[in-house]
Amino acid sequence: MGQKTNPNSLRLIVKKDWKNVWHCDKNVYANLMHNDIQITKLVLNYLKKNKYYSDTISITRLKKQIKINVHIYPIKDAVSGNLSNLFKNTDNHLTIDMGAFINYLNKYITKTPIELNLEVLDSPLKNANILSQFIAYHLERRVSLRNIFITLSKVFKVYDYLKGLKIKCSGRINGVEMARSSEIYAGNLSLQTFNEKVVYSTNIVNMKYGTLGLKVWVCYK
């Protein structure tokens, strides 16, 4: 049987870098790692509460400051099942009180000053993690998988920075009794070479008849 590897970890150092960048003595490593996990959970939950999809956050620890960078995209509901208009965001205005949230982090998590940088993307296709959250969100709101696949196939041709796309959904799709897998391919996507910039993401879709497993591969030019 074929042994699968995670495209993200496989390309670390070659095409990717670690999300969190810092150095420390071994005596404080565990505390800083736990601190990173706390910050990550709070930031992602806060963004979700304020109606934003979010990428995995990047934490850089300097001597007297913590820098947090994260890509986000606004959550919007489809009108009559039409998803085409949701792949383009023209409003980069943030509706989040980040000052109050940073004060909360400094009060309960860390005393080190925090710099939080949020970059609003103009399309969920620019980030595989956000794309997987986008698909999962609309599946949970009863947009059909077929509708999502058809829309993605059309939208894929519009953006010239995309080279390839693969999406796989497994489970009781549409509530059928027997679990199955459904896939969509678009463009060229090779997982056998390090020369390609491939980003991989997974997500869990919670449906009333069980959970679906969602996998997303995006290859950028």
N, C-alpha and C. Protein backbone atom coordinates (compact mmCIF):
# COMPACT_ATOMS: atom_id res chain seq x y z
N MET A 1 0.83 -1.20 0.00
CA MET A 1 0.00 0.00 0.00
C MET A 1 0.88 1.26 0.00
N GLY A 2 0.40 2.30 -0.64
CA GLY A 2 1.16 3.54 -0.69
C GLY A 2 1.15 4.26 0.64
N GLN A 3 2.28 4.77 1.04
CA GLN A 3 2.40 5.51 2.29
C GLN A 3 2.31 7.01 2.00
N LYS A 4 1.34 7.67 2.62
CA LYS A 4 1.11 9.09 2.37
C LYS A 4 1.95 9.95 3.32
N THR A 5 2.43 11.06 2.82
CA THR A 5 3.16 12.02 3.64
C THR A 5 2.41 13.34 3.64
N ASN A 6 2.64 14.13 4.68
CA ASN A 6 2.03 15.45 4.76
C ASN A 6 2.82 16.41 3.88
N PRO A 7 2.21 17.00 2.85
CA PRO A 7 2.95 17.88 1.93
C PRO A 7 3.58 19.09 2.62
N ASN A 8 2.98 19.53 3.75
CA ASN A 8 3.53 20.69 4.46
C ASN A 8 4.85 20.35 5.15
N SER A 9 4.85 19.29 5.97
CA SER A 9 6.06 18.92 6.70
C SER A 9 7.15 18.41 5.75
N LEU A 10 6.73 17.78 4.65
CA LEU A 10 7.70 17.26 3.69
C LEU A 10 8.50 18.37 3.03
N ARG A 11 7.88 19.54 2.88
CA ARG A 11 8.53 20.66 2.19
C ARG A 11 9.11 21.70 3.14
N LEU A 12 9.13 21.40 4.44
CA LEU A 12 9.73 22.33 5.39
C LEU A 12 11.21 22.53 5.05
N ILE A 13 11.66 23.76 5.22
CA ILE A 13 13.02 24.20 4.93
C ILE A 13 13.26 24.32 3.42
N VAL A 14 12.75 23.36 2.62
CA VAL A 14 12.97 23.42 1.17
C VAL A 14 12.11 24.51 0.53
N LYS A 15 10.79 24.45 0.78
CA LYS A 15 9.86 25.43 0.20
C LYS A 15 9.09 26.21 1.26
N LYS A 16 9.17 25.78 2.51
CA LYS A 16 8.41 26.41 3.59
C LYS A 16 9.33 26.69 4.77
N ASP A 17 8.81 27.48 5.71
CA ASP A 17 9.53 27.72 6.95
C ASP A 17 8.59 27.46 8.11
N TRP A 18 9.15 27.33 9.30
CA TRP A 18 8.32 27.09 10.48
C TRP A 18 7.43 28.30 10.74
N LYS A 19 6.22 28.04 11.23
CA LYS A 19 5.29 29.12 11.54
C LYS A 19 5.77 29.94 12.73
N ASN A 20 6.27 29.27 13.76
CA ASN A 20 6.76 29.97 14.95
C ASN A 20 8.29 30.01 14.93
N VAL A 21 8.83 31.20 15.14
CA VAL A 21 10.29 31.37 15.08
C VAL A 21 10.77 32.02 16.37
N TRP A 22 11.52 31.27 17.16
CA TRP A 22 12.16 31.83 18.36
C TRP A 22 13.17 30.84 18.92
N HIS A 23 14.08 31.35 19.74
CA HIS A 23 15.11 30.53 20.37
C HIS A 23 15.10 30.81 21.87
N CYS A 24 15.45 29.79 22.66
CA CYS A 24 15.44 29.96 24.11
C CYS A 24 16.29 28.89 24.77
N ASP A 25 16.52 29.06 26.07
CA ASP A 25 17.19 28.02 26.86
C ASP A 25 16.22 26.87 27.08
N LYS A 26 16.77 25.67 27.24
CA LYS A 26 15.93 24.49 27.40
C LYS A 26 15.09 24.54 28.67
N ASN A 27 15.51 25.34 29.66
CA ASN A 27 14.78 25.42 30.92
C ASN A 27 13.41 26.10 30.78
N VAL A 28 13.28 26.97 29.78
CA VAL A 28 12.02 27.71 29.61
C VAL A 28 11.28 27.29 28.35
N TYR A 29 11.79 26.29 27.63
CA TYR A 29 11.18 25.88 26.36
C TYR A 29 9.73 25.44 26.54
N ALA A 30 9.47 24.60 27.55
CA ALA A 30 8.11 24.07 27.76
C ALA A 30 7.13 25.20 28.06
N ASN A 31 7.55 26.17 28.87
CA ASN A 31 6.67 27.29 29.22
C ASN A 31 6.33 28.14 28.00
N LEU A 32 7.34 28.41 27.17
CA LEU A 32 7.10 29.21 25.97
C LEU A 32 6.24 28.47 24.95
N MET A 33 6.45 27.16 24.83
CA MET A 33 5.63 26.37 23.93
C MET A 33 4.16 26.37 24.37
N HIS A 34 3.95 26.18 25.67
CA HIS A 34 2.58 26.23 26.22
C HIS A 34 1.97 27.61 26.00
N ASN A 35 2.79 28.65 26.16
CA ASN A 35 2.34 30.02 25.95
C ASN A 35 1.92 30.24 24.50
N ASP A 36 2.67 29.69 23.55
CA ASP A 36 2.32 29.78 22.12
C ASP A 36 0.98 29.12 21.84
N ILE A 37 0.76 27.95 22.45
CA ILE A 37 -0.50 27.22 22.24
C ILE A 37 -1.67 28.02 22.78
N GLN A 38 -1.51 28.63 23.96
CA GLN A 38 -2.57 29.46 24.54
C GLN A 38 -2.90 30.65 23.65
N ILE A 39 -1.86 31.33 23.18
CA ILE A 39 -2.06 32.50 22.32
C ILE A 39 -2.76 32.09 21.03
N THR A 40 -2.33 30.98 20.43
CA THR A 40 -2.93 30.50 19.18
C THR A 40 -4.41 30.22 19.35
N LYS A 41 -4.77 29.49 20.40
CA LYS A 41 -6.18 29.14 20.64
C LYS A 41 -7.03 30.39 20.85
N LEU A 42 -6.54 31.33 21.65
CA LEU A 42 -7.31 32.53 21.94
C LEU A 42 -7.49 33.40 20.70
N VAL A 43 -6.42 33.57 19.91
CA VAL A 43 -6.51 34.41 18.71
C VAL A 43 -7.46 33.80 17.69
N LEU A 44 -7.33 32.49 17.43
CA LEU A 44 -8.19 31.84 16.44
C LEU A 44 -9.65 31.83 16.87
N ASN A 45 -9.91 31.58 18.17
CA ASN A 45 -11.28 31.60 18.68
C ASN A 45 -11.88 33.01 18.61
N TYR A 46 -11.06 34.01 18.90
CA TYR A 46 -11.53 35.40 18.85
C TYR A 46 -11.89 35.80 17.43
N LEU A 47 -11.06 35.41 16.47
CA LEU A 47 -11.33 35.72 15.07
C LEU A 47 -12.59 35.01 14.58
N LYS A 48 -12.76 33.75 14.98
CA LYS A 48 -13.95 33.00 14.58
C LYS A 48 -15.21 33.63 15.17
N LYS A 49 -15.12 34.08 16.42
CA LYS A 49 -16.25 34.73 17.08
C LYS A 49 -16.64 36.01 16.35
N ASN A 50 -15.65 36.68 15.76
CA ASN A 50 -15.89 37.94 15.04
C ASN A 50 -16.09 37.73 13.54
N LYS A 51 -16.43 36.50 13.15
CA LYS A 51 -16.80 36.18 11.78
C LYS A 51 -15.64 36.32 10.78
N TYR A 52 -14.52 35.68 11.12
CA TYR A 52 -13.39 35.65 10.20
C TYR A 52 -12.82 34.23 10.12
N TYR A 53 -12.59 33.76 8.88
CA TYR A 53 -11.77 32.57 8.71
C TYR A 53 -10.33 32.99 8.99
N SER A 54 -9.50 32.05 9.46
CA SER A 54 -8.13 32.43 9.79
C SER A 54 -7.15 31.32 9.44
N ASP A 55 -5.97 31.73 9.00
CA ASP A 55 -4.88 30.80 8.74
C ASP A 55 -4.20 30.47 10.06
N THR A 56 -3.34 29.44 10.07
CA THR A 56 -2.52 29.14 11.24
C THR A 56 -1.65 30.35 11.54
N ILE A 57 -1.65 30.81 12.78
CA ILE A 57 -0.94 32.05 13.08
C ILE A 57 0.56 31.81 13.16
N SER A 58 1.31 32.86 12.88
CA SER A 58 2.77 32.82 12.93
C SER A 58 3.23 33.68 14.10
N ILE A 59 4.04 33.10 14.99
CA ILE A 59 4.51 33.80 16.19
C ILE A 59 6.03 33.94 16.13
N THR A 60 6.49 35.17 16.23
CA THR A 60 7.93 35.45 16.28
C THR A 60 8.24 36.13 17.60
N ARG A 61 9.12 35.54 18.36
CA ARG A 61 9.49 36.10 19.67
C ARG A 61 10.81 36.86 19.56
N LEU A 62 10.74 38.16 19.82
CA LEU A 62 11.94 38.98 19.90
C LEU A 62 12.32 39.16 21.37
N LYS A 63 13.37 39.93 21.61
CA LYS A 63 13.85 40.07 22.99
C LYS A 63 12.82 40.73 23.89
N LYS A 64 12.13 41.76 23.37
CA LYS A 64 11.18 42.50 24.20
C LYS A 64 9.81 42.62 23.54
N GLN A 65 9.50 41.70 22.63
CA GLN A 65 8.22 41.80 21.92
C GLN A 65 7.84 40.46 21.31
N ILE A 66 6.53 40.23 21.18
CA ILE A 66 6.00 39.06 20.48
C ILE A 66 5.23 39.56 19.26
N LYS A 67 5.63 39.11 18.07
CA LYS A 67 4.93 39.49 16.85
C LYS A 67 4.04 38.34 16.39
N ILE A 68 2.77 38.64 16.16
CA ILE A 68 1.81 37.64 15.70
C ILE A 68 1.26 38.08 14.35
N ASN A 69 1.42 37.22 13.34
CA ASN A 69 0.91 37.50 12.00
C ASN A 69 -0.10 36.43 11.60
N VAL A 70 -1.20 36.85 11.02
CA VAL A 70 -2.21 35.89 10.60
C VAL A 70 -3.00 36.44 9.42
N HIS A 71 -3.28 35.58 8.44
CA HIS A 71 -4.13 35.93 7.30
C HIS A 71 -5.58 35.60 7.66
N ILE A 72 -6.48 36.48 7.29
CA ILE A 72 -7.90 36.27 7.60
C ILE A 72 -8.76 36.57 6.38
N TYR A 73 -10.01 36.10 6.45
CA TYR A 73 -10.98 36.35 5.37
C TYR A 73 -12.37 36.39 6.00
N PRO A 74 -13.20 37.39 5.66
CA PRO A 74 -14.51 37.52 6.31
C PRO A 74 -15.47 36.37 5.99
N ILE A 75 -16.21 35.94 7.00
CA ILE A 75 -17.21 34.88 6.84
C ILE A 75 -18.53 35.51 6.38
N LYS A 76 -19.04 35.03 5.26
CA LYS A 76 -20.33 35.50 4.75
C LYS A 76 -21.16 34.31 4.31
N ASP A 77 -22.47 34.43 4.43
CA ASP A 77 -23.37 33.35 4.03
C ASP A 77 -23.73 33.48 2.55
N ALA A 78 -23.92 32.33 1.92
CA ALA A 78 -24.31 32.32 0.51
C ALA A 78 -25.78 32.71 0.37
N VAL A 79 -26.09 33.47 -0.67
CA VAL A 79 -27.47 33.87 -0.95
C VAL A 79 -28.05 32.90 -1.98
N SER A 80 -29.07 32.17 -1.58
CA SER A 80 -29.72 31.17 -2.45
C SER A 80 -28.73 30.14 -2.99
N GLY A 81 -27.75 29.79 -2.17
CA GLY A 81 -26.77 28.77 -2.56
C GLY A 81 -25.73 29.23 -3.56
N ASN A 82 -25.72 30.55 -3.89
CA ASN A 82 -24.76 31.08 -4.86
C ASN A 82 -23.45 31.45 -4.15
N LEU A 83 -22.37 30.71 -4.46
CA LEU A 83 -21.09 30.93 -3.80
C LEU A 83 -20.13 31.80 -4.60
N SER A 84 -20.43 32.05 -5.86
CA SER A 84 -19.48 32.73 -6.75
C SER A 84 -19.05 34.09 -6.20
N ASN A 85 -20.00 34.84 -5.63
CA ASN A 85 -19.70 36.18 -5.15
C ASN A 85 -18.87 36.18 -3.87
N LEU A 86 -18.76 35.03 -3.21
CA LEU A 86 -18.05 34.96 -1.93
C LEU A 86 -16.55 34.74 -2.10
N PHE A 87 -16.10 34.54 -3.34
CA PHE A 87 -14.67 34.30 -3.58
C PHE A 87 -13.91 35.59 -3.84
N LYS A 88 -14.59 36.73 -3.75
CA LYS A 88 -13.94 38.02 -3.96
C LYS A 88 -14.31 38.96 -2.83
N ASN A 89 -13.30 39.47 -2.14
CA ASN A 89 -13.53 40.40 -1.03
C ASN A 89 -12.96 41.77 -1.41
N THR A 90 -13.83 42.77 -1.43
CA THR A 90 -13.40 44.12 -1.79
C THR A 90 -13.32 45.05 -0.58
N ASP A 91 -13.73 44.55 0.59
CA ASP A 91 -13.73 45.37 1.81
C ASP A 91 -12.65 44.87 2.75
N ASN A 92 -11.58 45.64 2.89
CA ASN A 92 -10.48 45.26 3.78
C ASN A 92 -10.59 45.90 5.16
N HIS A 93 -11.74 46.50 5.44
CA HIS A 93 -11.93 47.17 6.74
C HIS A 93 -12.14 46.13 7.84
N LEU A 94 -11.39 46.25 8.93
CA LEU A 94 -11.51 45.33 10.06
C LEU A 94 -12.59 45.81 11.02
N THR A 95 -13.41 44.87 11.47
CA THR A 95 -14.48 45.19 12.42
C THR A 95 -14.16 44.62 13.79
N ILE A 96 -12.87 44.60 14.14
CA ILE A 96 -12.43 43.98 15.39
C ILE A 96 -11.72 45.02 16.26
N ASP A 97 -12.04 45.02 17.54
CA ASP A 97 -11.35 45.88 18.50
C ASP A 97 -10.10 45.15 18.99
N MET A 98 -9.01 45.29 18.23
CA MET A 98 -7.80 44.55 18.54
C MET A 98 -7.09 45.09 19.77
N GLY A 99 -7.27 46.39 20.06
CA GLY A 99 -6.62 46.96 21.24
C GLY A 99 -7.08 46.29 22.52
N ALA A 100 -8.39 46.08 22.65
CA ALA A 100 -8.94 45.43 23.85
C ALA A 100 -8.48 43.98 23.93
N PHE A 101 -8.39 43.32 22.78
CA PHE A 101 -7.98 41.91 22.78
C PHE A 101 -6.51 41.77 23.15
N ILE A 102 -5.65 42.66 22.64
CA ILE A 102 -4.23 42.62 22.99
C ILE A 102 -4.05 42.89 24.48
N ASN A 103 -4.83 43.81 25.04
CA ASN A 103 -4.76 44.07 26.48
C ASN A 103 -5.16 42.84 27.28
N TYR A 104 -6.14 42.08 26.77
CA TYR A 104 -6.56 40.84 27.43
C TYR A 104 -5.42 39.82 27.42
N LEU A 105 -4.75 39.68 26.28
CA LEU A 105 -3.62 38.75 26.18
C LEU A 105 -2.50 39.14 27.14
N ASN A 106 -2.21 40.44 27.21
CA ASN A 106 -1.15 40.91 28.10
C ASN A 106 -1.50 40.74 29.57
N LYS A 107 -2.79 40.74 29.87
CA LYS A 107 -3.22 40.63 31.26
C LYS A 107 -3.21 39.19 31.75
N TYR A 108 -3.65 38.25 30.90
CA TYR A 108 -3.86 36.87 31.36
C TYR A 108 -2.86 35.86 30.79
N ILE A 109 -2.23 36.15 29.66
CA ILE A 109 -1.36 35.15 29.01
C ILE A 109 0.11 35.48 29.15
N THR A 110 0.50 36.68 28.78
CA THR A 110 1.91 37.06 28.81
C THR A 110 2.05 38.55 29.09
N LYS A 111 3.10 38.92 29.79
CA LYS A 111 3.36 40.33 30.09
C LYS A 111 4.19 40.99 28.98
N THR A 112 4.72 40.19 28.07
CA THR A 112 5.53 40.73 26.98
C THR A 112 4.65 41.50 26.00
N PRO A 113 5.04 42.70 25.58
CA PRO A 113 4.24 43.47 24.61
C PRO A 113 3.99 42.67 23.33
N ILE A 114 2.77 42.77 22.81
CA ILE A 114 2.36 42.00 21.64
C ILE A 114 2.05 42.93 20.48
N GLU A 115 2.55 42.57 19.31
CA GLU A 115 2.19 43.25 18.07
C GLU A 115 1.40 42.27 17.21
N LEU A 116 0.13 42.58 16.97
CA LEU A 116 -0.76 41.68 16.22
C LEU A 116 -1.04 42.27 14.84
N ASN A 117 -0.62 41.56 13.81
CA ASN A 117 -0.81 42.02 12.43
C ASN A 117 -1.81 41.10 11.72
N LEU A 118 -2.91 41.68 11.27
CA LEU A 118 -3.94 40.93 10.55
C LEU A 118 -3.96 41.38 9.09
N GLU A 119 -3.83 40.43 8.18
CA GLU A 119 -3.89 40.74 6.75
C GLU A 119 -5.15 40.13 6.16
N VAL A 120 -6.05 40.98 5.67
CA VAL A 120 -7.30 40.52 5.08
C VAL A 120 -7.04 40.14 3.62
N LEU A 121 -7.28 38.88 3.28
CA LEU A 121 -7.07 38.41 1.91
C LEU A 121 -8.24 38.81 1.02
N ASP A 122 -7.98 38.90 -0.29
CA ASP A 122 -9.06 39.26 -1.21
C ASP A 122 -9.78 38.03 -1.77
N SER A 123 -9.28 36.81 -1.44
CA SER A 123 -9.94 35.58 -1.88
C SER A 123 -9.53 34.42 -0.97
N PRO A 124 -10.45 33.52 -0.64
CA PRO A 124 -10.09 32.35 0.18
C PRO A 124 -9.15 31.39 -0.55
N LEU A 125 -9.07 31.51 -1.88
CA LEU A 125 -8.20 30.64 -2.66
C LEU A 125 -6.72 30.96 -2.47
N LYS A 126 -6.42 32.08 -1.84
CA LYS A 126 -5.02 32.45 -1.59
C LYS A 126 -4.42 31.69 -0.42
N ASN A 127 -5.26 30.96 0.33
CA ASN A 127 -4.76 30.25 1.50
C ASN A 127 -5.52 28.93 1.65
N ALA A 128 -4.81 27.81 1.70
CA ALA A 128 -5.46 26.50 1.75
C ALA A 128 -6.23 26.28 3.05
N ASN A 129 -5.70 26.78 4.18
CA ASN A 129 -6.40 26.63 5.45
C ASN A 129 -7.72 27.38 5.45
N ILE A 130 -7.69 28.59 4.92
CA ILE A 130 -8.92 29.38 4.84
C ILE A 130 -9.91 28.75 3.86
N LEU A 131 -9.40 28.19 2.75
CA LEU A 131 -10.28 27.54 1.78
C LEU A 131 -10.98 26.32 2.40
N SER A 132 -10.26 25.54 3.20
CA SER A 132 -10.87 24.36 3.84
C SER A 132 -11.94 24.80 4.84
N GLN A 133 -11.69 25.89 5.58
CA GLN A 133 -12.69 26.41 6.51
C GLN A 133 -13.90 26.95 5.75
N PHE A 134 -13.65 27.59 4.62
CA PHE A 134 -14.71 28.13 3.77
C PHE A 134 -15.64 27.02 3.30
N ILE A 135 -15.06 25.92 2.81
CA ILE A 135 -15.85 24.79 2.32
C ILE A 135 -16.62 24.14 3.46
N ALA A 136 -15.94 23.92 4.60
CA ALA A 136 -16.58 23.28 5.76
C ALA A 136 -17.76 24.12 6.27
N TYR A 137 -17.57 25.43 6.31
CA TYR A 137 -18.62 26.33 6.80
C TYR A 137 -19.89 26.21 5.96
N HIS A 138 -19.74 26.19 4.64
CA HIS A 138 -20.92 26.15 3.77
C HIS A 138 -21.53 24.75 3.69
N LEU A 139 -20.72 23.71 3.86
CA LEU A 139 -21.29 22.36 3.94
C LEU A 139 -22.17 22.23 5.19
N GLU A 140 -21.72 22.80 6.30
CA GLU A 140 -22.51 22.75 7.53
C GLU A 140 -23.79 23.55 7.42
N ARG A 141 -23.84 24.48 6.47
CA ARG A 141 -25.05 25.27 6.25
C ARG A 141 -25.84 24.75 5.04
N ARG A 142 -25.64 23.48 4.75
CA ARG A 142 -26.44 22.71 3.79
C ARG A 142 -26.28 23.14 2.34
N VAL A 143 -25.16 23.76 2.02
CA VAL A 143 -24.83 23.96 0.61
C VAL A 143 -24.28 22.64 0.10
N SER A 144 -24.79 22.15 -1.02
CA SER A 144 -24.41 20.82 -1.49
C SER A 144 -22.95 20.77 -1.91
N LEU A 145 -22.33 19.61 -1.71
CA LEU A 145 -20.93 19.42 -2.12
C LEU A 145 -20.78 19.60 -3.62
N ARG A 146 -21.77 19.14 -4.39
CA ARG A 146 -21.72 19.27 -5.85
C ARG A 146 -21.70 20.75 -6.25
N ASN A 147 -22.51 21.56 -5.58
CA ASN A 147 -22.55 22.99 -5.86
C ASN A 147 -21.19 23.64 -5.57
N ILE A 148 -20.57 23.24 -4.46
CA ILE A 148 -19.26 23.78 -4.10
C ILE A 148 -18.21 23.38 -5.13
N PHE A 149 -18.23 22.12 -5.54
CA PHE A 149 -17.26 21.63 -6.53
C PHE A 149 -17.41 22.35 -7.87
N ILE A 150 -18.65 22.52 -8.32
CA ILE A 150 -18.90 23.20 -9.60
C ILE A 150 -18.41 24.65 -9.55
N THR A 151 -18.70 25.34 -8.43
CA THR A 151 -18.28 26.73 -8.28
C THR A 151 -16.76 26.85 -8.27
N LEU A 152 -16.09 25.94 -7.53
CA LEU A 152 -14.63 25.97 -7.47
C LEU A 152 -14.00 25.73 -8.84
N SER A 153 -14.58 24.83 -9.62
CA SER A 153 -14.06 24.55 -10.96
C SER A 153 -14.12 25.79 -11.85
N LYS A 154 -15.19 26.58 -11.70
CA LYS A 154 -15.34 27.80 -12.50
C LYS A 154 -14.41 28.91 -12.00
N VAL A 155 -14.37 29.09 -10.68
CA VAL A 155 -13.59 30.18 -10.09
C VAL A 155 -12.09 29.95 -10.28
N PHE A 156 -11.68 28.68 -10.28
CA PHE A 156 -10.26 28.34 -10.42
C PHE A 156 -9.63 28.97 -11.66
N LYS A 157 -10.38 29.04 -12.74
CA LYS A 157 -9.86 29.54 -14.01
C LYS A 157 -9.64 31.06 -14.00
N VAL A 158 -10.25 31.74 -13.03
CA VAL A 158 -10.18 33.20 -13.00
C VAL A 158 -8.85 33.69 -12.42
N TYR A 159 -8.31 32.96 -11.43
CA TYR A 159 -7.13 33.43 -10.71
C TYR A 159 -5.86 32.84 -11.31
N ASP A 160 -4.99 33.73 -11.82
CA ASP A 160 -3.80 33.26 -12.52
C ASP A 160 -2.68 32.80 -11.59
N TYR A 161 -2.81 33.05 -10.28
CA TYR A 161 -1.77 32.60 -9.35
C TYR A 161 -1.96 31.14 -8.93
N LEU A 162 -3.05 30.52 -9.38
CA LEU A 162 -3.30 29.11 -9.06
C LEU A 162 -2.79 28.21 -10.18
N LYS A 163 -2.09 27.16 -9.80
CA LYS A 163 -1.60 26.20 -10.77
C LYS A 163 -2.38 24.90 -10.72
N GLY A 164 -2.78 24.48 -9.52
CA GLY A 164 -3.52 23.23 -9.38
C GLY A 164 -4.33 23.21 -8.09
N LEU A 165 -5.36 22.39 -8.09
CA LEU A 165 -6.24 22.30 -6.93
C LEU A 165 -6.81 20.89 -6.82
N LYS A 166 -6.83 20.37 -5.61
CA LYS A 166 -7.45 19.07 -5.36
C LYS A 166 -8.19 19.14 -4.03
N ILE A 167 -9.43 18.67 -4.04
CA ILE A 167 -10.24 18.65 -2.82
C ILE A 167 -10.88 17.28 -2.69
N LYS A 168 -10.79 16.71 -1.50
CA LYS A 168 -11.35 15.38 -1.24
C LYS A 168 -12.23 15.45 0.00
N CYS A 169 -13.44 14.94 -0.13
CA CYS A 169 -14.39 14.90 0.99
C CYS A 169 -14.82 13.45 1.21
N SER A 170 -14.74 12.98 2.45
CA SER A 170 -15.05 11.58 2.77
C SER A 170 -16.05 11.51 3.92
N GLY A 171 -16.96 10.54 3.82
CA GLY A 171 -17.96 10.34 4.87
C GLY A 171 -19.33 10.09 4.28
N ARG A 172 -20.35 10.29 5.10
CA ARG A 172 -21.73 10.10 4.64
C ARG A 172 -22.20 11.35 3.90
N ILE A 173 -21.70 11.52 2.69
CA ILE A 173 -22.03 12.69 1.89
C ILE A 173 -23.51 12.68 1.53
N ASN A 174 -24.17 13.82 1.76
CA ASN A 174 -25.62 13.98 1.52
C ASN A 174 -26.46 13.04 2.38
N GLY A 175 -25.87 12.50 3.46
CA GLY A 175 -26.63 11.67 4.40
C GLY A 175 -26.84 10.23 3.98
N VAL A 176 -26.15 9.76 2.94
CA VAL A 176 -26.32 8.37 2.51
C VAL A 176 -25.81 7.43 3.59
N GLU A 177 -26.33 6.18 3.60
CA GLU A 177 -25.98 5.24 4.66
C GLU A 177 -24.54 4.76 4.56
N MET A 178 -24.05 4.55 3.34
CA MET A 178 -22.69 4.04 3.17
C MET A 178 -21.73 5.20 2.90
N ALA A 179 -20.66 5.26 3.68
CA ALA A 179 -19.67 6.32 3.50
C ALA A 179 -18.94 6.16 2.17
N ARG A 180 -18.57 7.28 1.57
CA ARG A 180 -17.84 7.26 0.31
C ARG A 180 -16.95 8.49 0.25
N SER A 181 -16.15 8.56 -0.78
CA SER A 181 -15.27 9.71 -0.99
C SER A 181 -15.59 10.37 -2.32
N SER A 182 -15.50 11.68 -2.34
CA SER A 182 -15.73 12.44 -3.57
C SER A 182 -14.58 13.43 -3.74
N GLU A 183 -14.06 13.55 -4.96
CA GLU A 183 -12.89 14.39 -5.21
C GLU A 183 -13.13 15.33 -6.39
N ILE A 184 -12.36 16.41 -6.39
CA ILE A 184 -12.35 17.33 -7.53
C ILE A 184 -10.90 17.68 -7.83
N TYR A 185 -10.55 17.71 -9.11
CA TYR A 185 -9.22 18.11 -9.57
C TYR A 185 -9.37 19.30 -10.51
N ALA A 186 -8.42 20.21 -10.45
CA ALA A 186 -8.39 21.32 -11.41
C ALA A 186 -6.94 21.72 -11.63
N GLY A 187 -6.56 21.93 -12.87
CA GLY A 187 -5.20 22.32 -13.18
C GLY A 187 -4.20 21.19 -12.97
N ASN A 188 -2.94 21.56 -12.73
CA ASN A 188 -1.85 20.60 -12.54
C ASN A 188 -1.38 20.62 -11.09
N LEU A 189 -1.34 19.45 -10.48
CA LEU A 189 -0.91 19.34 -9.08
C LEU A 189 -0.04 18.11 -8.93
N SER A 190 1.26 18.32 -8.68
CA SER A 190 2.19 17.21 -8.50
C SER A 190 2.69 17.19 -7.06
N LEU A 191 2.51 16.04 -6.40
CA LEU A 191 2.99 15.88 -5.02
C LEU A 191 4.32 15.14 -4.97
N GLN A 192 4.90 14.86 -6.13
CA GLN A 192 6.12 14.05 -6.20
C GLN A 192 7.39 14.88 -6.36
N THR A 193 7.27 16.19 -6.35
CA THR A 193 8.44 17.04 -6.54
C THR A 193 8.47 18.15 -5.51
N PHE A 194 9.67 18.60 -5.15
CA PHE A 194 9.83 19.71 -4.20
C PHE A 194 9.78 21.06 -4.90
N ASN A 195 9.77 21.06 -6.22
CA ASN A 195 9.79 22.32 -6.96
C ASN A 195 8.45 23.05 -6.92
N GLU A 196 7.39 22.32 -6.61
CA GLU A 196 6.06 22.92 -6.59
C GLU A 196 5.74 23.50 -5.21
N LYS A 197 5.07 24.64 -5.20
CA LYS A 197 4.63 25.26 -3.95
C LYS A 197 3.23 24.72 -3.62
N VAL A 198 3.19 23.62 -2.88
CA VAL A 198 1.93 22.95 -2.54
C VAL A 198 1.60 23.20 -1.07
N VAL A 199 0.37 23.64 -0.81
CA VAL A 199 -0.09 23.86 0.56
C VAL A 199 -1.24 22.90 0.83
N TYR A 200 -1.20 22.25 1.97
CA TYR A 200 -2.17 21.19 2.31
C TYR A 200 -2.91 21.57 3.59
N SER A 201 -4.19 21.27 3.63
CA SER A 201 -4.99 21.57 4.82
C SER A 201 -6.07 20.51 5.01
N THR A 202 -6.42 20.25 6.26
CA THR A 202 -7.50 19.31 6.58
C THR A 202 -8.51 20.01 7.48
N ASN A 203 -9.73 19.49 7.47
CA ASN A 203 -10.77 20.05 8.32
C ASN A 203 -11.82 18.98 8.59
N ILE A 204 -12.60 19.18 9.64
CA ILE A 204 -13.70 18.29 9.98
C ILE A 204 -15.01 19.05 9.81
N VAL A 205 -15.94 18.45 9.09
CA VAL A 205 -17.25 19.06 8.85
C VAL A 205 -18.27 18.34 9.73
N ASN A 206 -18.92 19.07 10.62
CA ASN A 206 -19.90 18.48 11.53
C ASN A 206 -21.30 18.58 10.92
N MET A 207 -21.84 17.42 10.52
CA MET A 207 -23.18 17.36 9.94
C MET A 207 -24.12 16.67 10.91
N LYS A 208 -25.41 16.76 10.68
CA LYS A 208 -26.37 16.16 11.60
C LYS A 208 -26.34 14.63 11.56
N TYR A 209 -25.80 14.05 10.47
CA TYR A 209 -25.73 12.60 10.34
C TYR A 209 -24.30 12.08 10.56
N GLY A 210 -23.42 12.91 11.11
CA GLY A 210 -22.05 12.49 11.38
C GLY A 210 -21.04 13.52 10.89
N THR A 211 -19.78 13.14 10.89
CA THR A 211 -18.73 14.06 10.46
C THR A 211 -18.18 13.67 9.09
N LEU A 212 -17.76 14.67 8.36
CA LEU A 212 -17.09 14.46 7.07
C LEU A 212 -15.63 14.89 7.21
N GLY A 213 -14.75 14.16 6.56
CA GLY A 213 -13.34 14.54 6.52
C GLY A 213 -13.06 15.32 5.25
N LEU A 214 -12.40 16.45 5.39
CA LEU A 214 -12.13 17.32 4.25
C LEU A 214 -10.62 17.53 4.10
N LYS A 215 -10.11 17.32 2.89
CA LYS A 215 -8.69 17.54 2.60
C LYS A 215 -8.57 18.48 1.40
N VAL A 216 -7.65 19.42 1.50
CA VAL A 216 -7.47 20.42 0.44
C VAL A 216 -5.99 20.53 0.09
N TRP A 217 -5.69 20.43 -1.20
CA TRP A 217 -4.34 20.67 -1.72
C TRP A 217 -4.42 21.83 -2.71
N VAL A 218 -3.56 22.82 -2.56
CA VAL A 218 -3.52 23.95 -3.50
C VAL A 218 -2.08 24.14 -3.95
N CYS A 219 -1.89 24.22 -5.26
CA CYS A 219 -0.56 24.45 -5.84
C CYS A 219 -0.54 25.86 -6.43
N TYR A 220 0.43 26.66 -5.98
CA TYR A 220 0.54 28.04 -6.44
C TYR A 220 1.70 28.20 -7.42
N LYS A 221 1.57 29.16 -8.32
CA LYS A 221 2.63 29.42 -9.30
C LYS A 221 3.78 30.18 -8.64
